[in-house]
Amino acid sequence: MNGKLGSLQQRRERLLAKAALQRIALARDITPWRGPLALADQGLNALRYVKRHPVLAIGGMGLLTVFRATRSLRWLQRGYVVWRFVHGMRDRLAGVGKQRT
């Protein structure tokens, strides 16, 4: 019986060591996906919010119809430019602290 318990203990230790190595490899492999997955998660949260509050989506569409199409397009273009600027600056500032290899 002791031989069998010793064998099981050795197998358990090998499996724990293997699992630890796999966790390290998984963490390394997932790192590049953190940004895109976070963005997808934010998009899903926005969709859930709109689903829970459909009046806001309807109100937003109503406001767009109240404004003339050219005014709406102009504001959408400005908003897109601001959005791109903010995200570009955020990416640049995030890259400042990283060391390059």
N, C-alpha and C. Protein backbone atom coordinates (compact mmCIF):
# COMPACT_ATOMS: atom_id res chain seq x y z
N MET A 1 0.82 -1.20 0.00
CA MET A 1 0.00 0.00 0.00
C MET A 1 0.86 1.26 0.00
N ASN A 2 1.98 1.26 0.77
CA ASN A 2 2.85 2.43 0.82
C ASN A 2 3.48 2.72 -0.53
N GLY A 3 3.80 1.67 -1.27
CA GLY A 3 4.38 1.85 -2.60
C GLY A 3 3.39 2.55 -3.54
N LYS A 4 2.15 2.15 -3.41
CA LYS A 4 1.11 2.77 -4.25
C LYS A 4 0.89 4.23 -3.86
N LEU A 5 0.88 4.53 -2.55
CA LEU A 5 0.72 5.91 -2.10
C LEU A 5 1.91 6.77 -2.53
N GLY A 6 3.11 6.20 -2.45
CA GLY A 6 4.30 6.94 -2.89
C GLY A 6 4.24 7.24 -4.38
N SER A 7 3.80 6.25 -5.15
CA SER A 7 3.65 6.43 -6.59
C SER A 7 2.61 7.51 -6.91
N LEU A 8 1.50 7.47 -6.17
CA LEU A 8 0.48 8.49 -6.38
C LEU A 8 0.99 9.88 -5.99
N GLN A 9 1.77 9.95 -4.92
CA GLN A 9 2.32 11.25 -4.49
C GLN A 9 3.28 11.80 -5.54
N GLN A 10 4.12 10.94 -6.10
CA GLN A 10 5.04 11.39 -7.15
C GLN A 10 4.28 11.85 -8.39
N ARG A 11 3.26 11.09 -8.76
CA ARG A 11 2.45 11.48 -9.93
C ARG A 11 1.75 12.82 -9.68
N ARG A 12 1.24 13.00 -8.47
CA ARG A 12 0.57 14.26 -8.10
C ARG A 12 1.55 15.43 -8.22
N GLU A 13 2.77 15.25 -7.72
CA GLU A 13 3.78 16.32 -7.79
C GLU A 13 4.13 16.66 -9.24
N ARG A 14 4.26 15.61 -10.08
CA ARG A 14 4.56 15.86 -11.50
C ARG A 14 3.41 16.61 -12.16
N LEU A 15 2.17 16.21 -11.86
CA LEU A 15 1.02 16.88 -12.45
C LEU A 15 0.90 18.33 -11.97
N LEU A 16 1.19 18.58 -10.70
CA LEU A 16 1.15 19.96 -10.19
C LEU A 16 2.20 20.83 -10.87
N ALA A 17 3.40 20.27 -11.07
CA ALA A 17 4.46 21.01 -11.75
C ALA A 17 4.07 21.29 -13.20
N LYS A 18 3.49 20.29 -13.85
CA LYS A 18 3.05 20.47 -15.24
C LYS A 18 1.96 21.53 -15.34
N ALA A 19 1.01 21.51 -14.40
CA ALA A 19 -0.07 22.50 -14.39
C ALA A 19 0.49 23.91 -14.17
N ALA A 20 1.49 24.04 -13.31
CA ALA A 20 2.09 25.35 -13.07
C ALA A 20 2.75 25.88 -14.35
N LEU A 21 3.46 25.01 -15.07
CA LEU A 21 4.08 25.42 -16.34
C LEU A 21 3.02 25.81 -17.37
N GLN A 22 1.92 25.07 -17.40
CA GLN A 22 0.85 25.38 -18.34
C GLN A 22 0.19 26.72 -18.01
N ARG A 23 0.03 27.02 -16.71
CA ARG A 23 -0.54 28.32 -16.32
C ARG A 23 0.37 29.46 -16.77
N ILE A 24 1.67 29.29 -16.63
CA ILE A 24 2.63 30.32 -17.05
C ILE A 24 2.55 30.51 -18.56
N ALA A 25 2.52 29.41 -19.31
CA ALA A 25 2.45 29.49 -20.77
C ALA A 25 1.14 30.14 -21.22
N LEU A 26 0.05 29.79 -20.56
CA LEU A 26 -1.25 30.38 -20.92
C LEU A 26 -1.25 31.88 -20.65
N ALA A 27 -0.72 32.29 -19.52
CA ALA A 27 -0.66 33.72 -19.21
C ALA A 27 0.18 34.46 -20.25
N ARG A 28 1.28 33.86 -20.68
CA ARG A 28 2.14 34.49 -21.70
C ARG A 28 1.41 34.57 -23.04
N ASP A 29 0.70 33.52 -23.41
CA ASP A 29 0.03 33.48 -24.71
C ASP A 29 -1.21 34.38 -24.76
N ILE A 30 -1.84 34.62 -23.63
CA ILE A 30 -3.05 35.44 -23.59
C ILE A 30 -2.74 36.93 -23.57
N THR A 31 -1.55 37.30 -23.16
CA THR A 31 -1.20 38.71 -23.00
C THR A 31 -1.54 39.57 -24.22
N PRO A 32 -1.20 39.16 -25.46
CA PRO A 32 -1.54 40.02 -26.61
C PRO A 32 -3.04 40.17 -26.84
N TRP A 33 -3.84 39.27 -26.30
CA TRP A 33 -5.29 39.30 -26.50
C TRP A 33 -6.02 40.13 -25.46
N ARG A 34 -5.33 40.60 -24.44
CA ARG A 34 -6.00 41.33 -23.37
C ARG A 34 -6.70 42.60 -23.89
N GLY A 35 -6.02 43.36 -24.73
CA GLY A 35 -6.61 44.59 -25.27
C GLY A 35 -7.84 44.33 -26.12
N PRO A 36 -7.72 43.48 -27.16
CA PRO A 36 -8.90 43.20 -27.98
C PRO A 36 -10.06 42.58 -27.19
N LEU A 37 -9.75 41.71 -26.25
CA LEU A 37 -10.82 41.10 -25.46
C LEU A 37 -11.49 42.12 -24.55
N ALA A 38 -10.70 43.06 -24.02
CA ALA A 38 -11.27 44.11 -23.18
C ALA A 38 -12.19 45.00 -24.02
N LEU A 39 -11.78 45.31 -25.25
CA LEU A 39 -12.60 46.13 -26.13
C LEU A 39 -13.91 45.40 -26.48
N ALA A 40 -13.80 44.11 -26.77
CA ALA A 40 -15.01 43.33 -27.07
C ALA A 40 -15.92 43.28 -25.85
N ASP A 41 -15.34 43.17 -24.67
CA ASP A 41 -16.12 43.15 -23.44
C ASP A 41 -16.85 44.48 -23.24
N GLN A 42 -16.18 45.59 -23.53
CA GLN A 42 -16.82 46.90 -23.42
C GLN A 42 -17.98 47.01 -24.41
N GLY A 43 -17.78 46.50 -25.62
CA GLY A 43 -18.84 46.52 -26.61
C GLY A 43 -20.05 45.71 -26.16
N LEU A 44 -19.79 44.54 -25.60
CA LEU A 44 -20.89 43.72 -25.09
C LEU A 44 -21.60 44.41 -23.93
N ASN A 45 -20.85 45.06 -23.06
CA ASN A 45 -21.48 45.80 -21.96
C ASN A 45 -22.35 46.93 -22.49
N ALA A 46 -21.90 47.62 -23.53
CA ALA A 46 -22.70 48.69 -24.13
C ALA A 46 -23.99 48.13 -24.72
N LEU A 47 -23.87 46.99 -25.41
CA LEU A 47 -25.08 46.37 -25.98
C LEU A 47 -26.05 45.93 -24.89
N ARG A 48 -25.53 45.39 -23.80
CA ARG A 48 -26.41 45.00 -22.69
C ARG A 48 -27.10 46.22 -22.09
N TYR A 49 -26.36 47.31 -21.99
CA TYR A 49 -26.94 48.54 -21.43
C TYR A 49 -28.07 49.04 -22.31
N VAL A 50 -27.84 49.05 -23.61
CA VAL A 50 -28.87 49.51 -24.54
C VAL A 50 -30.07 48.56 -24.49
N LYS A 51 -29.80 47.27 -24.33
CA LYS A 51 -30.90 46.31 -24.25
C LYS A 51 -31.74 46.54 -22.99
N ARG A 52 -31.08 46.91 -21.89
CA ARG A 52 -31.81 47.17 -20.64
C ARG A 52 -32.52 48.52 -20.67
N HIS A 53 -32.00 49.46 -21.46
CA HIS A 53 -32.57 50.81 -21.52
C HIS A 53 -32.86 51.19 -22.96
N PRO A 54 -33.83 50.57 -23.60
CA PRO A 54 -34.09 50.84 -25.02
C PRO A 54 -34.60 52.27 -25.26
N VAL A 55 -35.16 52.90 -24.24
CA VAL A 55 -35.66 54.27 -24.41
C VAL A 55 -34.51 55.22 -24.77
N LEU A 56 -33.33 54.98 -24.20
CA LEU A 56 -32.18 55.83 -24.51
C LEU A 56 -31.77 55.70 -25.98
N ALA A 57 -31.77 54.48 -26.49
CA ALA A 57 -31.42 54.27 -27.89
C ALA A 57 -32.46 54.93 -28.80
N ILE A 58 -33.73 54.79 -28.46
CA ILE A 58 -34.79 55.40 -29.26
C ILE A 58 -34.68 56.92 -29.19
N GLY A 59 -34.39 57.44 -27.98
CA GLY A 59 -34.22 58.88 -27.83
C GLY A 59 -33.04 59.41 -28.64
N GLY A 60 -31.95 58.66 -28.64
CA GLY A 60 -30.78 59.07 -29.43
C GLY A 60 -31.09 59.10 -30.92
N MET A 61 -31.82 58.12 -31.38
CA MET A 61 -32.20 58.10 -32.80
C MET A 61 -33.17 59.22 -33.10
N GLY A 62 -34.04 59.53 -32.14
CA GLY A 62 -34.97 60.65 -32.32
C GLY A 62 -34.22 61.97 -32.42
N LEU A 63 -33.20 62.16 -31.58
CA LEU A 63 -32.40 63.39 -31.66
C LEU A 63 -31.70 63.52 -33.01
N LEU A 64 -31.22 62.40 -33.51
CA LEU A 64 -30.56 62.45 -34.82
C LEU A 64 -31.54 62.85 -35.92
N THR A 65 -32.79 62.42 -35.81
CA THR A 65 -33.76 62.79 -36.83
C THR A 65 -34.19 64.24 -36.69
N VAL A 66 -34.14 64.78 -35.45
CA VAL A 66 -34.51 66.18 -35.24
C VAL A 66 -33.49 67.08 -35.90
N PHE A 67 -32.21 66.76 -35.70
CA PHE A 67 -31.17 67.56 -36.35
C PHE A 67 -31.18 67.26 -37.84
N ARG A 68 -30.75 68.22 -38.57
CA ARG A 68 -30.63 67.96 -40.00
C ARG A 68 -29.51 66.98 -40.25
N ALA A 69 -29.55 66.27 -41.34
CA ALA A 69 -28.57 65.23 -41.64
C ALA A 69 -27.15 65.80 -41.72
N THR A 70 -27.00 66.97 -42.31
CA THR A 70 -25.65 67.54 -42.44
C THR A 70 -25.07 67.89 -41.08
N ARG A 71 -25.90 68.44 -40.19
CA ARG A 71 -25.42 68.79 -38.86
C ARG A 71 -25.04 67.53 -38.10
N SER A 72 -25.84 66.49 -38.23
CA SER A 72 -25.55 65.23 -37.56
C SER A 72 -24.24 64.64 -38.07
N LEU A 73 -24.07 64.65 -39.39
CA LEU A 73 -22.84 64.11 -39.96
C LEU A 73 -21.62 64.90 -39.50
N ARG A 74 -21.75 66.21 -39.43
CA ARG A 74 -20.64 67.04 -38.99
C ARG A 74 -20.26 66.69 -37.55
N TRP A 75 -21.26 66.53 -36.67
CA TRP A 75 -20.96 66.19 -35.28
C TRP A 75 -20.41 64.78 -35.15
N LEU A 76 -20.90 63.86 -35.96
CA LEU A 76 -20.36 62.51 -35.94
C LEU A 76 -18.90 62.48 -36.39
N GLN A 77 -18.57 63.28 -37.42
CA GLN A 77 -17.19 63.36 -37.88
C GLN A 77 -16.29 63.94 -36.80
N ARG A 78 -16.75 65.01 -36.15
CA ARG A 78 -15.96 65.62 -35.08
C ARG A 78 -15.77 64.63 -33.93
N GLY A 79 -16.83 63.94 -33.58
CA GLY A 79 -16.73 62.95 -32.50
C GLY A 79 -15.76 61.84 -32.84
N TYR A 80 -15.76 61.40 -34.10
CA TYR A 80 -14.84 60.35 -34.52
C TYR A 80 -13.39 60.84 -34.45
N VAL A 81 -13.16 62.06 -34.89
CA VAL A 81 -11.81 62.62 -34.84
C VAL A 81 -11.33 62.72 -33.39
N VAL A 82 -12.17 63.19 -32.51
CA VAL A 82 -11.81 63.28 -31.09
C VAL A 82 -11.56 61.89 -30.52
N TRP A 83 -12.41 60.95 -30.86
CA TRP A 83 -12.26 59.59 -30.36
C TRP A 83 -10.93 58.99 -30.80
N ARG A 84 -10.58 59.15 -32.09
CA ARG A 84 -9.31 58.63 -32.60
C ARG A 84 -8.13 59.31 -31.91
N PHE A 85 -8.21 60.60 -31.68
CA PHE A 85 -7.13 61.33 -31.02
C PHE A 85 -6.93 60.80 -29.60
N VAL A 86 -8.01 60.66 -28.86
CA VAL A 86 -7.92 60.21 -27.47
C VAL A 86 -7.34 58.80 -27.42
N HIS A 87 -7.81 57.90 -28.27
CA HIS A 87 -7.30 56.54 -28.25
C HIS A 87 -5.85 56.48 -28.72
N GLY A 88 -5.49 57.30 -29.68
CA GLY A 88 -4.10 57.35 -30.13
C GLY A 88 -3.17 57.82 -29.02
N MET A 89 -3.59 58.86 -28.30
CA MET A 89 -2.78 59.36 -27.19
C MET A 89 -2.69 58.32 -26.08
N ARG A 90 -3.79 57.65 -25.80
CA ARG A 90 -3.78 56.63 -24.75
C ARG A 90 -2.82 55.51 -25.12
N ASP A 91 -2.83 55.09 -26.38
CA ASP A 91 -1.92 54.02 -26.82
C ASP A 91 -0.47 54.48 -26.74
N ARG A 92 -0.21 55.72 -27.12
CA ARG A 92 1.16 56.24 -27.04
C ARG A 92 1.63 56.32 -25.61
N LEU A 93 0.76 56.80 -24.71
CA LEU A 93 1.15 56.91 -23.32
C LEU A 93 1.33 55.53 -22.68
N ALA A 94 0.54 54.58 -23.09
CA ALA A 94 0.69 53.22 -22.57
C ALA A 94 1.98 52.61 -23.05
N GLY A 95 2.43 52.96 -24.25
CA GLY A 95 3.66 52.41 -24.80
C GLY A 95 4.91 53.04 -24.23
N VAL A 96 4.79 54.20 -23.58
CA VAL A 96 5.96 54.88 -23.04
C VAL A 96 6.61 54.07 -21.93
N GLY A 97 5.80 53.45 -21.08
CA GLY A 97 6.33 52.72 -19.94
C GLY A 97 6.86 51.33 -20.28
N LYS A 98 6.58 50.84 -21.47
CA LYS A 98 7.00 49.49 -21.84
C LYS A 98 8.44 49.51 -22.33
N GLN A 99 9.19 48.47 -21.95
CA GLN A 99 10.55 48.34 -22.43
C GLN A 99 10.52 47.51 -23.71
N ARG A 100 11.31 47.91 -24.66
CA ARG A 100 11.36 47.18 -25.92
C ARG A 100 12.49 46.18 -25.88
N THR A 101 12.23 45.00 -26.42
CA THR A 101 13.26 43.96 -26.42
C THR A 101 13.77 43.73 -27.80
